[in-house]
Amino acid sequence: MPASQPSLRSAARRKAPSQDEAATFVLRKLRRVFNSIKGHFRDVEKKAGVAGAQVWALSVIRDKPGVGVNELARAMDIHQSTASNLIKPLIERGMVVAGRAENDRRALQLKITSRGTAVLKKAPAPVTGVLPDALSKLDLETLIRLDQDLTGLIAILGADRRSERMPLGQPER
């Protein structure tokens, strides 16, 4: 981390930070994370013309031609109904086609179209979003510690567990 950016650790070396000072340092870091995510999604929507979560869905469909909605939901770690809602406008706009599986006429098989491929080419990387990409680059020990610390924060917030399967960068309804 560059020396010009204050951190809780550097403040602690000077003097023991107060509870309020420590909370302020962490709040600033969380703002930077959230604003980085929001900025990436704004950039995606501006360049690709679709929401970030839809770009991710397009990339999964491109990489797994014939993927079903349930498998798409698993690949994105979202609820099946959320995946259905993400692909509906992609089908309507001609970026994805949905056909019936031969072995199960109820199941949809999704395929990207040339229009969808063109959208993906315009989208800035990473197509999964900056947060999943950044988390994939952290070591296991850090991820375990972060998971434990966020579990405590979530408990204090009383955050709704159902929201954990809602993708960031999802189009507003």
N, C-alpha and C. Protein backbone atom coordinates (compact mmCIF):
# COMPACT_ATOMS: atom_id res chain seq x y z
N MET A 1 0.86 -1.17 0.00
CA MET A 1 0.00 0.00 0.00
C MET A 1 0.90 1.23 0.00
N PRO A 2 0.62 2.22 -0.84
CA PRO A 2 1.43 3.43 -0.87
C PRO A 2 1.39 4.14 0.48
N ALA A 3 2.53 4.75 0.83
CA ALA A 3 2.65 5.41 2.12
C ALA A 3 1.67 6.58 2.26
N SER A 4 1.25 7.18 1.14
CA SER A 4 0.36 8.34 1.20
C SER A 4 -1.07 7.98 1.60
N GLN A 5 -1.39 6.71 1.60
CA GLN A 5 -2.75 6.30 1.93
C GLN A 5 -2.78 5.84 3.38
N PRO A 6 -3.53 6.56 4.23
CA PRO A 6 -3.57 6.20 5.64
C PRO A 6 -4.24 4.85 5.85
N SER A 7 -3.76 4.13 6.83
CA SER A 7 -4.35 2.86 7.17
C SER A 7 -4.45 2.76 8.68
N LEU A 8 -5.26 1.86 9.13
CA LEU A 8 -5.41 1.63 10.55
C LEU A 8 -4.10 1.16 11.15
N ARG A 9 -3.37 0.35 10.40
CA ARG A 9 -2.09 -0.16 10.88
C ARG A 9 -1.07 0.97 11.08
N SER A 10 -1.00 1.91 10.10
CA SER A 10 -0.04 3.02 10.24
C SER A 10 -0.46 3.95 11.37
N ALA A 11 -1.76 4.15 11.55
CA ALA A 11 -2.23 4.98 12.65
C ALA A 11 -1.91 4.32 13.99
N ALA A 12 -2.03 3.01 14.06
CA ALA A 12 -1.75 2.29 15.30
C ALA A 12 -0.28 2.37 15.68
N ARG A 13 0.60 2.51 14.68
CA ARG A 13 2.03 2.64 14.98
C ARG A 13 2.34 3.97 15.65
N ARG A 14 1.58 5.01 15.27
CA ARG A 14 1.78 6.33 15.88
C ARG A 14 1.21 6.37 17.29
N LYS A 15 0.00 5.91 17.44
CA LYS A 15 -0.66 5.84 18.75
C LYS A 15 -1.83 4.88 18.61
N ALA A 16 -2.29 4.39 19.71
CA ALA A 16 -3.44 3.48 19.67
C ALA A 16 -4.66 4.25 19.18
N PRO A 17 -5.26 3.80 18.06
CA PRO A 17 -6.43 4.53 17.56
C PRO A 17 -7.63 4.29 18.48
N SER A 18 -8.49 5.28 18.52
CA SER A 18 -9.73 5.12 19.28
C SER A 18 -10.68 4.23 18.48
N GLN A 19 -11.73 3.79 19.12
CA GLN A 19 -12.77 3.00 18.45
C GLN A 19 -13.34 3.79 17.27
N ASP A 20 -13.62 5.08 17.48
CA ASP A 20 -14.17 5.93 16.41
C ASP A 20 -13.19 6.08 15.25
N GLU A 21 -11.90 6.27 15.56
CA GLU A 21 -10.89 6.41 14.50
C GLU A 21 -10.79 5.11 13.70
N ALA A 22 -10.77 3.99 14.40
CA ALA A 22 -10.67 2.70 13.72
C ALA A 22 -11.89 2.48 12.83
N ALA A 23 -13.08 2.78 13.33
CA ALA A 23 -14.30 2.63 12.54
C ALA A 23 -14.26 3.53 11.30
N THR A 24 -13.71 4.74 11.44
CA THR A 24 -13.60 5.67 10.32
C THR A 24 -12.66 5.13 9.24
N PHE A 25 -11.53 4.56 9.65
CA PHE A 25 -10.60 3.99 8.67
C PHE A 25 -11.26 2.85 7.89
N VAL A 26 -11.97 1.99 8.60
CA VAL A 26 -12.63 0.86 7.94
C VAL A 26 -13.76 1.37 7.04
N LEU A 27 -14.52 2.35 7.50
CA LEU A 27 -15.59 2.92 6.69
C LEU A 27 -15.03 3.47 5.38
N ARG A 28 -13.92 4.18 5.45
CA ARG A 28 -13.31 4.71 4.23
C ARG A 28 -12.91 3.60 3.27
N LYS A 29 -12.37 2.52 3.81
CA LYS A 29 -11.98 1.40 2.95
C LYS A 29 -13.20 0.77 2.29
N LEU A 30 -14.27 0.60 3.07
CA LEU A 30 -15.49 0.03 2.50
C LEU A 30 -16.06 0.94 1.42
N ARG A 31 -16.02 2.25 1.64
CA ARG A 31 -16.47 3.19 0.61
C ARG A 31 -15.67 3.02 -0.67
N ARG A 32 -14.35 2.86 -0.52
CA ARG A 32 -13.50 2.69 -1.71
C ARG A 32 -13.87 1.41 -2.44
N VAL A 33 -14.13 0.34 -1.70
CA VAL A 33 -14.54 -0.93 -2.32
C VAL A 33 -15.86 -0.73 -3.06
N PHE A 34 -16.87 -0.20 -2.37
CA PHE A 34 -18.19 -0.03 -2.99
C PHE A 34 -18.13 0.90 -4.19
N ASN A 35 -17.39 2.00 -4.06
CA ASN A 35 -17.30 2.95 -5.18
C ASN A 35 -16.54 2.37 -6.35
N SER A 36 -15.57 1.53 -6.09
CA SER A 36 -14.85 0.85 -7.17
C SER A 36 -15.80 -0.09 -7.92
N ILE A 37 -16.61 -0.81 -7.17
CA ILE A 37 -17.59 -1.72 -7.77
C ILE A 37 -18.61 -0.93 -8.59
N LYS A 38 -19.17 0.12 -8.00
CA LYS A 38 -20.15 0.95 -8.71
C LYS A 38 -19.54 1.56 -9.97
N GLY A 39 -18.30 2.03 -9.87
CA GLY A 39 -17.64 2.63 -11.03
C GLY A 39 -17.46 1.63 -12.14
N HIS A 40 -17.09 0.41 -11.79
CA HIS A 40 -16.93 -0.63 -12.81
C HIS A 40 -18.26 -0.92 -13.49
N PHE A 41 -19.33 -1.04 -12.70
CA PHE A 41 -20.63 -1.34 -13.29
C PHE A 41 -21.14 -0.20 -14.16
N ARG A 42 -20.87 1.05 -13.75
CA ARG A 42 -21.25 2.19 -14.60
C ARG A 42 -20.49 2.11 -15.93
N ASP A 43 -19.21 1.79 -15.85
CA ASP A 43 -18.37 1.68 -17.05
C ASP A 43 -18.88 0.56 -17.96
N VAL A 44 -19.23 -0.57 -17.35
CA VAL A 44 -19.75 -1.70 -18.13
C VAL A 44 -21.02 -1.28 -18.86
N GLU A 45 -21.95 -0.68 -18.12
CA GLU A 45 -23.23 -0.31 -18.72
C GLU A 45 -23.04 0.73 -19.83
N LYS A 46 -22.13 1.67 -19.59
CA LYS A 46 -21.86 2.71 -20.58
C LYS A 46 -21.25 2.12 -21.87
N LYS A 47 -20.30 1.21 -21.71
CA LYS A 47 -19.60 0.65 -22.87
C LYS A 47 -20.35 -0.49 -23.54
N ALA A 48 -21.00 -1.34 -22.73
CA ALA A 48 -21.65 -2.53 -23.29
C ALA A 48 -23.14 -2.33 -23.53
N GLY A 49 -23.74 -1.40 -22.81
CA GLY A 49 -25.17 -1.15 -22.99
C GLY A 49 -26.07 -2.07 -22.20
N VAL A 50 -25.51 -2.92 -21.37
CA VAL A 50 -26.29 -3.79 -20.49
C VAL A 50 -25.65 -3.77 -19.10
N ALA A 51 -26.40 -4.22 -18.12
CA ALA A 51 -25.91 -4.23 -16.74
C ALA A 51 -24.78 -5.24 -16.56
N GLY A 52 -23.96 -4.99 -15.55
CA GLY A 52 -22.81 -5.85 -15.27
C GLY A 52 -23.16 -7.31 -15.06
N ALA A 53 -24.23 -7.57 -14.32
CA ALA A 53 -24.63 -8.96 -14.08
C ALA A 53 -25.05 -9.63 -15.39
N GLN A 54 -25.63 -8.86 -16.30
CA GLN A 54 -26.02 -9.42 -17.59
C GLN A 54 -24.79 -9.74 -18.44
N VAL A 55 -23.76 -8.92 -18.33
CA VAL A 55 -22.51 -9.21 -19.04
C VAL A 55 -21.92 -10.51 -18.52
N TRP A 56 -21.92 -10.68 -17.21
CA TRP A 56 -21.42 -11.93 -16.63
C TRP A 56 -22.23 -13.11 -17.15
N ALA A 57 -23.57 -12.98 -17.16
CA ALA A 57 -24.42 -14.05 -17.66
C ALA A 57 -24.10 -14.36 -19.12
N LEU A 58 -23.93 -13.32 -19.93
CA LEU A 58 -23.56 -13.53 -21.34
C LEU A 58 -22.25 -14.31 -21.46
N SER A 59 -21.29 -13.99 -20.60
CA SER A 59 -19.99 -14.68 -20.68
C SER A 59 -20.13 -16.15 -20.31
N VAL A 60 -20.98 -16.46 -19.33
CA VAL A 60 -21.20 -17.86 -18.96
C VAL A 60 -21.87 -18.59 -20.12
N ILE A 61 -22.88 -17.97 -20.71
CA ILE A 61 -23.60 -18.58 -21.83
C ILE A 61 -22.66 -18.77 -23.03
N ARG A 62 -21.79 -17.80 -23.27
CA ARG A 62 -20.81 -17.93 -24.36
C ARG A 62 -19.87 -19.11 -24.10
N ASP A 63 -19.41 -19.21 -22.86
CA ASP A 63 -18.41 -20.23 -22.51
C ASP A 63 -19.01 -21.63 -22.37
N LYS A 64 -20.33 -21.71 -22.17
CA LYS A 64 -21.02 -23.00 -22.00
C LYS A 64 -22.26 -23.03 -22.88
N PRO A 65 -22.08 -23.11 -24.20
CA PRO A 65 -23.25 -23.11 -25.09
C PRO A 65 -24.22 -24.23 -24.70
N GLY A 66 -25.50 -23.87 -24.63
CA GLY A 66 -26.51 -24.85 -24.26
C GLY A 66 -26.75 -24.92 -22.75
N VAL A 67 -26.09 -24.06 -22.00
CA VAL A 67 -26.26 -24.04 -20.55
C VAL A 67 -27.73 -23.79 -20.21
N GLY A 68 -28.19 -24.41 -19.15
CA GLY A 68 -29.55 -24.19 -18.68
C GLY A 68 -29.59 -23.08 -17.64
N VAL A 69 -30.78 -22.64 -17.30
CA VAL A 69 -30.94 -21.56 -16.33
C VAL A 69 -30.39 -21.98 -14.96
N ASN A 70 -30.66 -23.21 -14.54
CA ASN A 70 -30.16 -23.67 -13.24
C ASN A 70 -28.64 -23.69 -13.20
N GLU A 71 -28.03 -24.16 -14.27
CA GLU A 71 -26.56 -24.20 -14.32
C GLU A 71 -25.98 -22.78 -14.38
N LEU A 72 -26.65 -21.88 -15.08
CA LEU A 72 -26.24 -20.48 -15.11
C LEU A 72 -26.29 -19.89 -13.70
N ALA A 73 -27.38 -20.18 -12.99
CA ALA A 73 -27.53 -19.68 -11.62
C ALA A 73 -26.40 -20.22 -10.73
N ARG A 74 -26.07 -21.49 -10.86
CA ARG A 74 -24.96 -22.07 -10.07
C ARG A 74 -23.63 -21.41 -10.43
N ALA A 75 -23.39 -21.18 -11.71
CA ALA A 75 -22.12 -20.59 -12.15
C ALA A 75 -21.95 -19.17 -11.61
N MET A 76 -23.07 -18.46 -11.45
CA MET A 76 -23.02 -17.08 -10.96
C MET A 76 -23.30 -16.99 -9.46
N ASP A 77 -23.59 -18.13 -8.83
CA ASP A 77 -23.96 -18.20 -7.41
C ASP A 77 -25.12 -17.27 -7.10
N ILE A 78 -26.18 -17.41 -7.90
CA ILE A 78 -27.39 -16.63 -7.69
C ILE A 78 -28.58 -17.58 -7.68
N HIS A 79 -29.72 -17.09 -7.27
CA HIS A 79 -30.93 -17.89 -7.25
C HIS A 79 -31.42 -18.12 -8.68
N GLN A 80 -32.08 -19.24 -8.90
CA GLN A 80 -32.57 -19.59 -10.23
C GLN A 80 -33.53 -18.53 -10.77
N SER A 81 -34.39 -17.98 -9.92
CA SER A 81 -35.33 -16.96 -10.39
C SER A 81 -34.60 -15.68 -10.79
N THR A 82 -33.50 -15.38 -10.10
CA THR A 82 -32.69 -14.21 -10.45
C THR A 82 -32.04 -14.42 -11.82
N ALA A 83 -31.55 -15.63 -12.05
CA ALA A 83 -30.94 -15.94 -13.35
C ALA A 83 -31.99 -15.81 -14.46
N SER A 84 -33.19 -16.29 -14.21
CA SER A 84 -34.27 -16.16 -15.20
C SER A 84 -34.56 -14.69 -15.51
N ASN A 85 -34.60 -13.88 -14.45
CA ASN A 85 -34.85 -12.45 -14.65
C ASN A 85 -33.71 -11.76 -15.38
N LEU A 86 -32.48 -12.23 -15.20
CA LEU A 86 -31.33 -11.63 -15.90
C LEU A 86 -31.37 -11.93 -17.39
N ILE A 87 -31.74 -13.15 -17.75
CA ILE A 87 -31.66 -13.53 -19.16
C ILE A 87 -32.89 -13.09 -19.98
N LYS A 88 -33.99 -12.85 -19.31
CA LYS A 88 -35.21 -12.46 -20.03
C LYS A 88 -34.97 -11.28 -20.97
N PRO A 89 -34.41 -10.15 -20.47
CA PRO A 89 -34.17 -9.03 -21.40
C PRO A 89 -33.09 -9.34 -22.43
N LEU A 90 -32.17 -10.23 -22.11
CA LEU A 90 -31.13 -10.61 -23.09
C LEU A 90 -31.76 -11.37 -24.25
N ILE A 91 -32.74 -12.20 -23.95
CA ILE A 91 -33.48 -12.92 -24.99
C ILE A 91 -34.31 -11.92 -25.80
N GLU A 92 -35.01 -11.03 -25.09
CA GLU A 92 -35.87 -10.04 -25.76
C GLU A 92 -35.07 -9.12 -26.69
N ARG A 93 -33.83 -8.83 -26.32
CA ARG A 93 -32.99 -7.94 -27.14
C ARG A 93 -32.15 -8.70 -28.16
N GLY A 94 -32.36 -10.00 -28.27
CA GLY A 94 -31.69 -10.79 -29.30
C GLY A 94 -30.23 -11.10 -29.01
N MET A 95 -29.83 -11.06 -27.76
CA MET A 95 -28.44 -11.38 -27.40
C MET A 95 -28.27 -12.85 -27.03
N VAL A 96 -29.37 -13.47 -26.69
CA VAL A 96 -29.39 -14.89 -26.30
C VAL A 96 -30.62 -15.51 -26.94
N VAL A 97 -30.46 -16.75 -27.37
CA VAL A 97 -31.61 -17.53 -27.82
C VAL A 97 -31.80 -18.69 -26.85
N ALA A 98 -33.05 -19.03 -26.64
CA ALA A 98 -33.39 -20.12 -25.74
C ALA A 98 -34.14 -21.18 -26.52
N GLY A 99 -33.63 -22.39 -26.47
CA GLY A 99 -34.30 -23.51 -27.12
C GLY A 99 -34.58 -24.59 -26.11
N ARG A 100 -35.40 -25.52 -26.46
CA ARG A 100 -35.75 -26.62 -25.56
C ARG A 100 -34.72 -27.74 -25.69
N ALA A 101 -34.38 -28.32 -24.57
CA ALA A 101 -33.46 -29.46 -24.56
C ALA A 101 -34.17 -30.67 -25.16
N GLU A 102 -33.45 -31.47 -25.90
CA GLU A 102 -34.05 -32.65 -26.54
C GLU A 102 -34.47 -33.69 -25.51
N ASN A 103 -33.65 -33.86 -24.48
CA ASN A 103 -33.94 -34.90 -23.49
C ASN A 103 -34.96 -34.47 -22.43
N ASP A 104 -35.20 -33.16 -22.30
CA ASP A 104 -36.17 -32.63 -21.34
C ASP A 104 -36.78 -31.38 -21.95
N ARG A 105 -37.95 -31.51 -22.53
CA ARG A 105 -38.59 -30.42 -23.27
C ARG A 105 -38.94 -29.23 -22.37
N ARG A 106 -38.91 -29.43 -21.02
CA ARG A 106 -39.19 -28.31 -20.11
C ARG A 106 -37.97 -27.43 -19.92
N ALA A 107 -36.78 -28.00 -20.09
CA ALA A 107 -35.54 -27.27 -19.82
C ALA A 107 -35.13 -26.39 -21.00
N LEU A 108 -34.71 -25.18 -20.68
CA LEU A 108 -34.20 -24.28 -21.70
C LEU A 108 -32.70 -24.47 -21.88
N GLN A 109 -32.24 -24.36 -23.10
CA GLN A 109 -30.82 -24.33 -23.39
C GLN A 109 -30.53 -22.96 -23.98
N LEU A 110 -29.55 -22.28 -23.39
CA LEU A 110 -29.24 -20.91 -23.77
C LEU A 110 -28.01 -20.87 -24.67
N LYS A 111 -28.09 -20.03 -25.68
CA LYS A 111 -26.95 -19.83 -26.58
C LYS A 111 -26.83 -18.35 -26.86
N ILE A 112 -25.60 -17.89 -26.91
CA ILE A 112 -25.34 -16.48 -27.21
C ILE A 112 -25.45 -16.27 -28.72
N THR A 113 -25.91 -15.10 -29.10
CA THR A 113 -26.01 -14.74 -30.52
C THR A 113 -24.85 -13.83 -30.88
N SER A 114 -24.75 -13.51 -32.13
CA SER A 114 -23.70 -12.58 -32.56
C SER A 114 -23.88 -11.22 -31.90
N ARG A 115 -25.12 -10.81 -31.67
CA ARG A 115 -25.38 -9.54 -30.97
C ARG A 115 -24.85 -9.62 -29.53
N GLY A 116 -25.06 -10.74 -28.86
CA GLY A 116 -24.54 -10.91 -27.51
C GLY A 116 -23.03 -10.94 -27.47
N THR A 117 -22.43 -11.58 -28.47
CA THR A 117 -20.96 -11.63 -28.56
C THR A 117 -20.40 -10.23 -28.77
N ALA A 118 -21.08 -9.43 -29.58
CA ALA A 118 -20.65 -8.05 -29.81
C ALA A 118 -20.71 -7.23 -28.52
N VAL A 119 -21.73 -7.46 -27.72
CA VAL A 119 -21.85 -6.76 -26.44
C VAL A 119 -20.68 -7.15 -25.54
N LEU A 120 -20.36 -8.43 -25.48
CA LEU A 120 -19.24 -8.89 -24.64
C LEU A 120 -17.91 -8.27 -25.08
N LYS A 121 -17.74 -8.10 -26.37
CA LYS A 121 -16.49 -7.51 -26.87
C LYS A 121 -16.35 -6.05 -26.44
N LYS A 122 -17.47 -5.36 -26.25
CA LYS A 122 -17.44 -3.97 -25.81
C LYS A 122 -17.23 -3.83 -24.31
N ALA A 123 -17.57 -4.86 -23.56
CA ALA A 123 -17.56 -4.79 -22.10
C ALA A 123 -16.13 -4.80 -21.55
N PRO A 124 -15.85 -3.91 -20.60
CA PRO A 124 -14.53 -3.92 -19.97
C PRO A 124 -14.38 -5.13 -19.05
N ALA A 125 -13.18 -5.63 -18.98
CA ALA A 125 -12.88 -6.76 -18.09
C ALA A 125 -12.77 -6.25 -16.66
N PRO A 126 -12.97 -7.10 -15.72
CA PRO A 126 -13.38 -8.50 -15.80
C PRO A 126 -14.90 -8.62 -15.96
N VAL A 127 -15.33 -9.57 -16.79
CA VAL A 127 -16.76 -9.70 -17.06
C VAL A 127 -17.52 -10.23 -15.85
N THR A 128 -16.85 -10.86 -14.91
CA THR A 128 -17.52 -11.34 -13.69
C THR A 128 -17.73 -10.21 -12.69
N GLY A 129 -17.11 -9.07 -12.93
CA GLY A 129 -17.16 -7.95 -11.99
C GLY A 129 -15.85 -7.85 -11.24
N VAL A 130 -15.55 -6.65 -10.76
CA VAL A 130 -14.26 -6.43 -10.10
C VAL A 130 -14.17 -7.11 -8.74
N LEU A 131 -15.28 -7.24 -8.01
CA LEU A 131 -15.20 -7.86 -6.69
C LEU A 131 -14.95 -9.36 -6.77
N PRO A 132 -15.73 -10.13 -7.54
CA PRO A 132 -15.40 -11.56 -7.65
C PRO A 132 -13.98 -11.78 -8.18
N ASP A 133 -13.56 -10.94 -9.11
CA ASP A 133 -12.21 -11.06 -9.66
C ASP A 133 -11.16 -10.80 -8.57
N ALA A 134 -11.35 -9.75 -7.80
CA ALA A 134 -10.39 -9.43 -6.73
C ALA A 134 -10.38 -10.51 -5.67
N LEU A 135 -11.55 -11.00 -5.28
CA LEU A 135 -11.60 -12.05 -4.26
C LEU A 135 -10.89 -13.32 -4.72
N SER A 136 -10.99 -13.62 -6.01
CA SER A 136 -10.32 -14.83 -6.53
C SER A 136 -8.81 -14.72 -6.48
N LYS A 137 -8.30 -13.51 -6.30
CA LYS A 137 -6.85 -13.30 -6.26
C LYS A 137 -6.29 -13.30 -4.83
N LEU A 138 -7.18 -13.36 -3.83
CA LEU A 138 -6.72 -13.39 -2.44
C LEU A 138 -6.37 -14.82 -2.04
N ASP A 139 -5.42 -14.95 -1.12
CA ASP A 139 -5.04 -16.28 -0.66
C ASP A 139 -6.11 -16.82 0.29
N LEU A 140 -6.10 -18.13 0.48
CA LEU A 140 -7.11 -18.81 1.28
C LEU A 140 -7.18 -18.28 2.71
N GLU A 141 -6.05 -18.06 3.33
CA GLU A 141 -6.02 -17.56 4.71
C GLU A 141 -6.73 -16.21 4.83
N THR A 142 -6.48 -15.33 3.88
CA THR A 142 -7.12 -14.02 3.87
C THR A 142 -8.62 -14.15 3.66
N LEU A 143 -9.02 -15.04 2.74
CA LEU A 143 -10.44 -15.24 2.49
C LEU A 143 -11.16 -15.78 3.73
N ILE A 144 -10.53 -16.69 4.43
CA ILE A 144 -11.13 -17.26 5.65
C ILE A 144 -11.29 -16.17 6.71
N ARG A 145 -10.26 -15.37 6.90
CA ARG A 145 -10.32 -14.28 7.88
C ARG A 145 -11.37 -13.25 7.48
N LEU A 146 -11.42 -12.90 6.21
CA LEU A 146 -12.40 -11.94 5.71
C LEU A 146 -13.82 -12.49 5.90
N ASP A 147 -14.01 -13.76 5.62
CA ASP A 147 -15.30 -14.40 5.81
C ASP A 147 -15.74 -14.30 7.27
N GLN A 148 -14.85 -14.60 8.19
CA GLN A 148 -15.18 -14.52 9.62
C GLN A 148 -15.51 -13.09 10.03
N ASP A 149 -14.70 -12.14 9.59
CA ASP A 149 -14.93 -10.75 9.96
C ASP A 149 -16.23 -10.21 9.37
N LEU A 150 -16.51 -10.56 8.12
CA LEU A 150 -17.76 -10.10 7.49
C LEU A 150 -18.97 -10.77 8.14
N THR A 151 -18.82 -11.99 8.59
CA THR A 151 -19.92 -12.67 9.30
C THR A 151 -20.30 -11.87 10.54
N GLY A 152 -19.31 -11.38 11.27
CA GLY A 152 -19.58 -10.55 12.44
C GLY A 152 -20.26 -9.24 12.07
N LEU A 153 -19.80 -8.59 11.01
CA LEU A 153 -20.40 -7.34 10.56
C LEU A 153 -21.84 -7.56 10.12
N ILE A 154 -22.08 -8.63 9.39
CA ILE A 154 -23.43 -8.95 8.91
C ILE A 154 -24.36 -9.20 10.08
N ALA A 155 -23.87 -9.86 11.11
CA ALA A 155 -24.70 -10.13 12.29
C ALA A 155 -25.10 -8.81 12.96
N ILE A 156 -24.18 -7.89 13.07
CA ILE A 156 -24.48 -6.59 13.68
C ILE A 156 -25.49 -5.82 12.82
N LEU A 157 -25.32 -5.90 11.51
CA LEU A 157 -26.24 -5.21 10.60
C LEU A 157 -27.62 -5.86 10.57
N GLY A 158 -27.67 -7.13 10.92
CA GLY A 158 -28.92 -7.87 10.79
C GLY A 158 -29.32 -8.00 9.33
N ALA A 159 -28.32 -8.14 8.47
CA ALA A 159 -28.56 -8.18 7.02
C ALA A 159 -29.37 -9.41 6.63
N ASP A 160 -30.25 -9.22 5.68
CA ASP A 160 -31.13 -10.27 5.18
C ASP A 160 -30.31 -11.30 4.40
N ARG A 161 -30.37 -12.53 4.83
CA ARG A 161 -29.59 -13.60 4.19
C ARG A 161 -29.98 -13.80 2.72
N ARG A 162 -31.22 -13.51 2.38
CA ARG A 162 -31.65 -13.70 0.98
C ARG A 162 -30.86 -12.82 0.02
N SER A 163 -30.34 -11.70 0.51
CA SER A 163 -29.63 -10.78 -0.38
C SER A 163 -28.25 -11.30 -0.79
N GLU A 164 -27.75 -12.34 -0.13
CA GLU A 164 -26.42 -12.83 -0.47
C GLU A 164 -26.37 -13.51 -1.84
N ARG A 165 -27.49 -13.88 -2.38
CA ARG A 165 -27.52 -14.52 -3.70
C ARG A 165 -28.01 -13.57 -4.78
N MET A 166 -28.04 -12.27 -4.48
CA MET A 166 -28.42 -11.26 -5.46
C MET A 166 -27.12 -10.68 -6.03
N PRO A 167 -26.95 -10.74 -7.34
CA PRO A 167 -25.70 -10.24 -7.91
C PRO A 167 -25.60 -8.72 -7.84
N LEU A 168 -24.39 -8.26 -7.68
CA LEU A 168 -24.13 -6.82 -7.81
C LEU A 168 -24.22 -6.50 -9.30
N GLY A 169 -24.55 -5.27 -9.62
CA GLY A 169 -24.63 -4.88 -11.03
C GLY A 169 -25.83 -5.45 -11.73
N GLN A 170 -26.85 -5.79 -10.95
CA GLN A 170 -28.09 -6.31 -11.52
C GLN A 170 -28.93 -5.13 -11.98
N PRO A 171 -29.61 -5.25 -13.11
CA PRO A 171 -30.45 -4.15 -13.57
C PRO A 171 -31.55 -3.86 -12.56
N GLU A 172 -31.89 -2.58 -12.43
CA GLU A 172 -32.97 -2.17 -11.53
C GLU A 172 -34.31 -2.58 -12.12
N ARG A 173 -35.24 -2.92 -11.24
CA ARG A 173 -36.59 -3.25 -11.71
C ARG A 173 -37.54 -2.17 -11.36
